[in-house]
Amino acid sequence: MKRLTKWQSLLFLLGGVLMVMGAGSFAFMWRQQVVCWIFFAGAVLFTTMQSMQIYDGNNFVVKRLKRIQAVANIFFLLSALLMIDTAYMCFRPLFSSFTTYAEYVYNKWVVLLLIAALLEIYTTHRIDSEMKRDE
């Protein structure tokens, strides 16, 4: 696994902290129109730095786990976009009624964030154990 530089690791950590701060503040309804952008910036930093960790080995399991991690990264970014939509209701004009909008889009960032977090925890743990097994 390609190691991140000191600055990349710092940006990776900063992205994770911004995501936690943004999601927590948004969930507690504190300045939602500001913290959604903090979460978005954290998600972009986190996913960018994580995608820079390239695996060049031959272990099929680690390659599969990295692909699952890429799906989790996409879910992180989609949850950030849905969080922004929840704050600003950008996608509301696309639906004929508010009920339809609320049913399909409004506050669905939570579901995507939960799926992404579970995938991230699983893949991080499994990649670590597979890398130790290879050594």
N, C-alpha and C. Protein backbone atom coordinates (compact mmCIF):
# COMPACT_ATOMS: atom_id res chain seq x y z
N MET A 1 0.86 -1.17 0.00
CA MET A 1 0.00 0.00 0.00
C MET A 1 0.90 1.23 0.00
N LYS A 2 0.60 2.14 -0.90
CA LYS A 2 1.36 3.38 -0.98
C LYS A 2 1.08 4.23 0.25
N ARG A 3 2.13 4.66 0.91
CA ARG A 3 2.00 5.50 2.10
C ARG A 3 1.77 6.95 1.70
N LEU A 4 0.98 7.63 2.49
CA LEU A 4 0.76 9.05 2.27
C LEU A 4 1.91 9.83 2.88
N THR A 5 2.20 11.00 2.29
CA THR A 5 3.22 11.86 2.87
C THR A 5 2.68 12.47 4.15
N LYS A 6 3.54 13.19 4.84
CA LYS A 6 3.11 13.83 6.10
C LYS A 6 1.97 14.81 5.86
N TRP A 7 2.08 15.61 4.80
CA TRP A 7 1.03 16.59 4.49
C TRP A 7 -0.26 15.90 4.07
N GLN A 8 -0.14 14.85 3.28
CA GLN A 8 -1.33 14.12 2.85
C GLN A 8 -2.03 13.47 4.04
N SER A 9 -1.25 12.93 4.96
CA SER A 9 -1.84 12.34 6.16
C SER A 9 -2.54 13.40 7.00
N LEU A 10 -1.95 14.59 7.07
CA LEU A 10 -2.57 15.69 7.81
C LEU A 10 -3.89 16.11 7.15
N LEU A 11 -3.90 16.19 5.82
CA LEU A 11 -5.13 16.54 5.11
C LEU A 11 -6.19 15.44 5.26
N PHE A 12 -5.75 14.19 5.27
CA PHE A 12 -6.66 13.06 5.47
C PHE A 12 -7.33 13.15 6.84
N LEU A 13 -6.53 13.41 7.86
CA LEU A 13 -7.05 13.57 9.21
C LEU A 13 -7.96 14.79 9.32
N LEU A 14 -7.55 15.90 8.72
CA LEU A 14 -8.37 17.11 8.72
C LEU A 14 -9.71 16.86 8.06
N GLY A 15 -9.71 16.13 6.93
CA GLY A 15 -10.96 15.80 6.26
C GLY A 15 -11.89 15.00 7.14
N GLY A 16 -11.35 14.02 7.85
CA GLY A 16 -12.17 13.22 8.77
C GLY A 16 -12.75 14.05 9.90
N VAL A 17 -11.93 14.93 10.45
CA VAL A 17 -12.40 15.79 11.55
C VAL A 17 -13.48 16.75 11.05
N LEU A 18 -13.30 17.32 9.87
CA LEU A 18 -14.30 18.23 9.32
C LEU A 18 -15.62 17.49 9.04
N MET A 19 -15.51 16.24 8.59
CA MET A 19 -16.73 15.47 8.34
C MET A 19 -17.49 15.21 9.64
N VAL A 20 -16.77 14.85 10.69
CA VAL A 20 -17.42 14.58 11.97
C VAL A 20 -18.04 15.86 12.53
N MET A 21 -17.28 16.96 12.48
CA MET A 21 -17.82 18.23 12.97
C MET A 21 -19.04 18.66 12.16
N GLY A 22 -18.95 18.54 10.85
CA GLY A 22 -20.07 18.95 10.00
C GLY A 22 -21.31 18.11 10.21
N ALA A 23 -21.13 16.78 10.26
CA ALA A 23 -22.29 15.90 10.45
C ALA A 23 -22.92 16.09 11.83
N GLY A 24 -22.08 16.20 12.84
CA GLY A 24 -22.61 16.40 14.19
C GLY A 24 -23.34 17.72 14.34
N SER A 25 -22.75 18.78 13.84
CA SER A 25 -23.39 20.10 13.92
C SER A 25 -24.68 20.13 13.11
N PHE A 26 -24.66 19.50 11.94
CA PHE A 26 -25.86 19.47 11.11
C PHE A 26 -26.97 18.68 11.79
N ALA A 27 -26.62 17.56 12.40
CA ALA A 27 -27.62 16.73 13.08
C ALA A 27 -28.24 17.47 14.26
N PHE A 28 -27.45 18.30 14.93
CA PHE A 28 -27.98 19.08 16.05
C PHE A 28 -28.57 20.42 15.61
N MET A 29 -28.70 20.58 14.28
CA MET A 29 -29.35 21.74 13.66
C MET A 29 -28.70 23.07 14.05
N TRP A 30 -27.38 23.06 14.11
CA TRP A 30 -26.64 24.27 14.42
C TRP A 30 -26.04 24.82 13.12
N ARG A 31 -26.55 25.95 12.67
CA ARG A 31 -26.07 26.64 11.46
C ARG A 31 -25.92 25.68 10.27
N GLN A 32 -27.00 25.02 9.93
CA GLN A 32 -26.97 23.98 8.91
C GLN A 32 -26.48 24.48 7.55
N GLN A 33 -26.79 25.73 7.21
CA GLN A 33 -26.38 26.23 5.91
C GLN A 33 -24.88 26.52 5.83
N VAL A 34 -24.20 26.50 6.95
CA VAL A 34 -22.75 26.69 6.97
C VAL A 34 -22.04 25.34 7.13
N VAL A 35 -22.51 24.54 8.08
CA VAL A 35 -21.80 23.30 8.38
C VAL A 35 -21.95 22.25 7.29
N CYS A 36 -22.96 22.38 6.43
CA CYS A 36 -23.05 21.44 5.31
C CYS A 36 -21.84 21.61 4.38
N TRP A 37 -21.37 22.85 4.24
CA TRP A 37 -20.18 23.09 3.40
C TRP A 37 -18.91 22.60 4.09
N ILE A 38 -18.88 22.66 5.41
CA ILE A 38 -17.73 22.12 6.16
C ILE A 38 -17.68 20.61 5.96
N PHE A 39 -18.84 19.94 6.05
CA PHE A 39 -18.89 18.51 5.80
C PHE A 39 -18.45 18.20 4.37
N PHE A 40 -18.91 18.98 3.41
CA PHE A 40 -18.54 18.77 2.01
C PHE A 40 -17.02 18.90 1.81
N ALA A 41 -16.43 19.93 2.40
CA ALA A 41 -14.97 20.11 2.29
C ALA A 41 -14.24 18.93 2.93
N GLY A 42 -14.72 18.48 4.07
CA GLY A 42 -14.10 17.33 4.72
C GLY A 42 -14.24 16.08 3.90
N ALA A 43 -15.40 15.87 3.29
CA ALA A 43 -15.60 14.68 2.46
C ALA A 43 -14.69 14.70 1.24
N VAL A 44 -14.53 15.86 0.64
CA VAL A 44 -13.64 15.97 -0.52
C VAL A 44 -12.19 15.68 -0.12
N LEU A 45 -11.74 16.27 0.99
CA LEU A 45 -10.37 16.01 1.46
C LEU A 45 -10.17 14.54 1.80
N PHE A 46 -11.10 13.98 2.55
CA PHE A 46 -10.99 12.59 3.00
C PHE A 46 -10.96 11.62 1.82
N THR A 47 -11.90 11.79 0.91
CA THR A 47 -11.97 10.84 -0.21
C THR A 47 -10.81 11.01 -1.18
N THR A 48 -10.36 12.24 -1.37
CA THR A 48 -9.22 12.46 -2.26
C THR A 48 -7.96 11.82 -1.70
N MET A 49 -7.69 12.04 -0.44
CA MET A 49 -6.49 11.47 0.17
C MET A 49 -6.57 9.94 0.24
N GLN A 50 -7.75 9.42 0.50
CA GLN A 50 -7.89 7.97 0.57
C GLN A 50 -7.73 7.34 -0.81
N SER A 51 -8.19 8.01 -1.84
CA SER A 51 -8.03 7.47 -3.19
C SER A 51 -6.58 7.53 -3.66
N MET A 52 -5.76 8.35 -3.00
CA MET A 52 -4.35 8.42 -3.34
C MET A 52 -3.55 7.26 -2.75
N GLN A 53 -4.15 6.53 -1.81
CA GLN A 53 -3.51 5.36 -1.24
C GLN A 53 -3.73 4.17 -2.19
N ILE A 54 -2.84 4.01 -3.11
CA ILE A 54 -2.98 2.98 -4.14
C ILE A 54 -2.32 1.69 -3.68
N TYR A 55 -2.98 0.58 -3.96
CA TYR A 55 -2.41 -0.73 -3.65
C TYR A 55 -1.84 -1.31 -4.92
N ASP A 56 -0.53 -1.61 -4.91
CA ASP A 56 0.15 -2.15 -6.08
C ASP A 56 0.45 -3.64 -5.97
N GLY A 57 0.00 -4.26 -4.89
CA GLY A 57 0.31 -5.67 -4.68
C GLY A 57 -0.57 -6.60 -5.52
N ASN A 58 -0.43 -7.90 -5.23
CA ASN A 58 -1.15 -8.91 -5.99
C ASN A 58 -2.28 -9.56 -5.20
N ASN A 59 -2.50 -9.13 -3.98
CA ASN A 59 -3.53 -9.74 -3.14
C ASN A 59 -4.91 -9.32 -3.66
N PHE A 60 -5.67 -10.30 -4.14
CA PHE A 60 -7.00 -10.04 -4.70
C PHE A 60 -7.95 -9.48 -3.65
N VAL A 61 -7.84 -9.95 -2.41
CA VAL A 61 -8.74 -9.51 -1.34
C VAL A 61 -8.55 -8.02 -1.08
N VAL A 62 -7.31 -7.57 -1.02
CA VAL A 62 -7.05 -6.15 -0.76
C VAL A 62 -7.54 -5.30 -1.94
N LYS A 63 -7.36 -5.79 -3.16
CA LYS A 63 -7.86 -5.05 -4.32
C LYS A 63 -9.38 -4.92 -4.27
N ARG A 64 -10.06 -6.00 -3.88
CA ARG A 64 -11.51 -5.97 -3.75
C ARG A 64 -11.93 -4.99 -2.65
N LEU A 65 -11.22 -5.00 -1.53
CA LEU A 65 -11.54 -4.10 -0.43
C LEU A 65 -11.30 -2.64 -0.82
N LYS A 66 -10.29 -2.38 -1.62
CA LYS A 66 -10.06 -1.01 -2.09
C LYS A 66 -11.19 -0.54 -3.01
N ARG A 67 -11.75 -1.46 -3.80
CA ARG A 67 -12.90 -1.10 -4.63
C ARG A 67 -14.12 -0.79 -3.77
N ILE A 68 -14.31 -1.57 -2.71
CA ILE A 68 -15.42 -1.31 -1.80
C ILE A 68 -15.20 0.05 -1.12
N GLN A 69 -13.95 0.35 -0.80
CA GLN A 69 -13.64 1.64 -0.19
C GLN A 69 -13.95 2.79 -1.16
N ALA A 70 -13.74 2.56 -2.44
CA ALA A 70 -14.07 3.57 -3.44
C ALA A 70 -15.58 3.82 -3.48
N VAL A 71 -16.37 2.77 -3.32
CA VAL A 71 -17.83 2.92 -3.25
C VAL A 71 -18.20 3.73 -2.01
N ALA A 72 -17.54 3.44 -0.88
CA ALA A 72 -17.80 4.21 0.34
C ALA A 72 -17.46 5.68 0.13
N ASN A 73 -16.38 5.96 -0.59
CA ASN A 73 -16.01 7.35 -0.88
C ASN A 73 -17.08 8.05 -1.71
N ILE A 74 -17.63 7.33 -2.69
CA ILE A 74 -18.71 7.91 -3.50
C ILE A 74 -19.92 8.20 -2.61
N PHE A 75 -20.23 7.29 -1.69
CA PHE A 75 -21.35 7.52 -0.78
C PHE A 75 -21.10 8.71 0.14
N PHE A 76 -19.85 8.89 0.58
CA PHE A 76 -19.52 10.07 1.39
C PHE A 76 -19.81 11.36 0.62
N LEU A 77 -19.38 11.39 -0.64
CA LEU A 77 -19.60 12.59 -1.46
C LEU A 77 -21.09 12.80 -1.75
N LEU A 78 -21.81 11.72 -2.03
CA LEU A 78 -23.24 11.86 -2.27
C LEU A 78 -23.98 12.31 -1.01
N SER A 79 -23.54 11.81 0.14
CA SER A 79 -24.19 12.26 1.38
C SER A 79 -23.91 13.74 1.62
N ALA A 80 -22.73 14.22 1.23
CA ALA A 80 -22.44 15.65 1.36
C ALA A 80 -23.35 16.47 0.45
N LEU A 81 -23.56 15.99 -0.78
CA LEU A 81 -24.46 16.71 -1.69
C LEU A 81 -25.90 16.70 -1.19
N LEU A 82 -26.34 15.58 -0.63
CA LEU A 82 -27.69 15.52 -0.09
C LEU A 82 -27.84 16.36 1.17
N MET A 83 -26.74 16.50 1.92
CA MET A 83 -26.78 17.37 3.10
C MET A 83 -26.94 18.83 2.66
N ILE A 84 -26.23 19.20 1.62
CA ILE A 84 -26.37 20.56 1.08
C ILE A 84 -27.80 20.76 0.58
N ASP A 85 -28.35 19.74 -0.05
CA ASP A 85 -29.73 19.85 -0.53
C ASP A 85 -30.71 19.99 0.63
N THR A 86 -30.45 19.27 1.72
CA THR A 86 -31.34 19.39 2.88
C THR A 86 -31.30 20.81 3.44
N ALA A 87 -30.14 21.44 3.41
CA ALA A 87 -30.02 22.80 3.94
C ALA A 87 -30.63 23.85 3.01
N TYR A 88 -30.47 23.66 1.70
CA TYR A 88 -30.89 24.68 0.74
C TYR A 88 -32.09 24.28 -0.12
N MET A 89 -32.48 23.02 -0.09
CA MET A 89 -33.57 22.46 -0.92
C MET A 89 -33.35 22.75 -2.41
N CYS A 90 -32.16 22.44 -2.88
CA CYS A 90 -31.81 22.67 -4.28
C CYS A 90 -32.62 21.80 -5.24
N PHE A 91 -32.88 20.57 -4.86
CA PHE A 91 -33.57 19.63 -5.74
C PHE A 91 -35.09 19.72 -5.63
N ARG A 92 -35.60 20.58 -4.78
CA ARG A 92 -37.05 20.69 -4.57
C ARG A 92 -37.80 21.02 -5.85
N PRO A 93 -37.32 21.91 -6.72
CA PRO A 93 -38.07 22.21 -7.96
C PRO A 93 -38.20 21.03 -8.91
N LEU A 94 -37.40 19.99 -8.74
CA LEU A 94 -37.47 18.83 -9.62
C LEU A 94 -38.66 17.92 -9.33
N PHE A 95 -39.33 18.14 -8.19
CA PHE A 95 -40.43 17.28 -7.77
C PHE A 95 -41.74 18.05 -7.80
N SER A 96 -42.82 17.34 -8.08
CA SER A 96 -44.12 17.99 -8.21
C SER A 96 -44.71 18.43 -6.87
N SER A 97 -44.40 17.68 -5.81
CA SER A 97 -44.93 18.06 -4.50
C SER A 97 -43.83 17.89 -3.45
N PHE A 98 -44.04 18.57 -2.34
CA PHE A 98 -43.06 18.46 -1.26
C PHE A 98 -43.05 17.06 -0.66
N THR A 99 -44.19 16.41 -0.67
CA THR A 99 -44.28 15.05 -0.13
C THR A 99 -43.39 14.09 -0.92
N THR A 100 -43.42 14.20 -2.22
CA THR A 100 -42.57 13.36 -3.06
C THR A 100 -41.10 13.68 -2.83
N TYR A 101 -40.80 14.96 -2.76
CA TYR A 101 -39.43 15.39 -2.48
C TYR A 101 -38.94 14.86 -1.14
N ALA A 102 -39.76 14.98 -0.12
CA ALA A 102 -39.38 14.51 1.22
C ALA A 102 -39.23 13.00 1.25
N GLU A 103 -40.04 12.32 0.48
CA GLU A 103 -39.99 10.86 0.47
C GLU A 103 -38.72 10.33 -0.18
N TYR A 104 -38.24 10.99 -1.22
CA TYR A 104 -37.11 10.47 -1.98
C TYR A 104 -35.77 11.14 -1.69
N VAL A 105 -35.76 12.39 -1.29
CA VAL A 105 -34.49 13.12 -1.20
C VAL A 105 -34.23 13.72 0.18
N TYR A 106 -35.19 14.41 0.75
CA TYR A 106 -34.96 15.22 1.95
C TYR A 106 -34.48 14.35 3.12
N ASN A 107 -33.36 14.73 3.72
CA ASN A 107 -32.74 14.06 4.86
C ASN A 107 -32.25 12.64 4.58
N LYS A 108 -32.08 12.28 3.33
CA LYS A 108 -31.58 10.95 3.00
C LYS A 108 -30.04 10.88 3.08
N TRP A 109 -29.41 12.00 3.38
CA TRP A 109 -27.96 12.01 3.56
C TRP A 109 -27.55 11.11 4.71
N VAL A 110 -28.41 10.96 5.68
CA VAL A 110 -28.11 10.15 6.86
C VAL A 110 -27.92 8.69 6.46
N VAL A 111 -28.77 8.19 5.58
CA VAL A 111 -28.69 6.80 5.14
C VAL A 111 -27.39 6.54 4.40
N LEU A 112 -27.06 7.43 3.46
CA LEU A 112 -25.81 7.26 2.71
C LEU A 112 -24.59 7.38 3.60
N LEU A 113 -24.63 8.28 4.56
CA LEU A 113 -23.51 8.44 5.48
C LEU A 113 -23.33 7.20 6.35
N LEU A 114 -24.42 6.62 6.80
CA LEU A 114 -24.35 5.41 7.60
C LEU A 114 -23.78 4.25 6.80
N ILE A 115 -24.24 4.07 5.58
CA ILE A 115 -23.71 3.00 4.72
C ILE A 115 -22.22 3.21 4.47
N ALA A 116 -21.84 4.45 4.14
CA ALA A 116 -20.44 4.75 3.86
C ALA A 116 -19.57 4.51 5.09
N ALA A 117 -20.05 4.90 6.25
CA ALA A 117 -19.26 4.71 7.48
C ALA A 117 -19.09 3.22 7.79
N LEU A 118 -20.15 2.44 7.62
CA LEU A 118 -20.03 1.00 7.87
C LEU A 118 -19.08 0.33 6.88
N LEU A 119 -19.17 0.70 5.62
CA LEU A 119 -18.24 0.16 4.62
C LEU A 119 -16.81 0.57 4.93
N GLU A 120 -16.64 1.80 5.36
CA GLU A 120 -15.29 2.31 5.68
C GLU A 120 -14.69 1.55 6.87
N ILE A 121 -15.48 1.35 7.90
CA ILE A 121 -14.99 0.62 9.07
C ILE A 121 -14.61 -0.80 8.69
N TYR A 122 -15.49 -1.46 7.94
CA TYR A 122 -15.23 -2.84 7.52
C TYR A 122 -13.97 -2.94 6.67
N THR A 123 -13.85 -2.10 5.64
CA THR A 123 -12.71 -2.22 4.74
C THR A 123 -11.41 -1.84 5.43
N THR A 124 -11.44 -0.83 6.29
CA THR A 124 -10.21 -0.44 6.99
C THR A 124 -9.72 -1.57 7.88
N HIS A 125 -10.62 -2.18 8.60
CA HIS A 125 -10.24 -3.31 9.47
C HIS A 125 -9.72 -4.49 8.65
N ARG A 126 -10.42 -4.82 7.59
CA ARG A 126 -10.03 -5.98 6.78
C ARG A 126 -8.72 -5.73 6.03
N ILE A 127 -8.53 -4.53 5.49
CA ILE A 127 -7.27 -4.23 4.79
C ILE A 127 -6.10 -4.33 5.76
N ASP A 128 -6.28 -3.81 6.96
CA ASP A 128 -5.22 -3.89 7.98
C ASP A 128 -4.87 -5.35 8.29
N SER A 129 -5.88 -6.18 8.48
CA SER A 129 -5.61 -7.59 8.81
C SER A 129 -5.00 -8.33 7.62
N GLU A 130 -5.42 -8.01 6.40
CA GLU A 130 -4.84 -8.65 5.22
C GLU A 130 -3.39 -8.23 5.01
N MET A 131 -3.09 -6.96 5.26
CA MET A 131 -1.72 -6.49 5.11
C MET A 131 -0.80 -7.13 6.14
N LYS A 132 -1.30 -7.32 7.37
CA LYS A 132 -0.50 -8.00 8.39
C LYS A 132 -0.29 -9.45 8.03
N ARG A 133 -1.29 -10.08 7.43
CA ARG A 133 -1.16 -11.48 7.03
C ARG A 133 -0.13 -11.64 5.92
N ASP A 134 -0.03 -10.67 5.02
CA ASP A 134 0.93 -10.72 3.92
C ASP A 134 2.37 -10.57 4.40
N GLU A 135 2.57 -9.90 5.54
CA GLU A 135 3.95 -9.64 6.00
C GLU A 135 4.61 -10.85 6.55
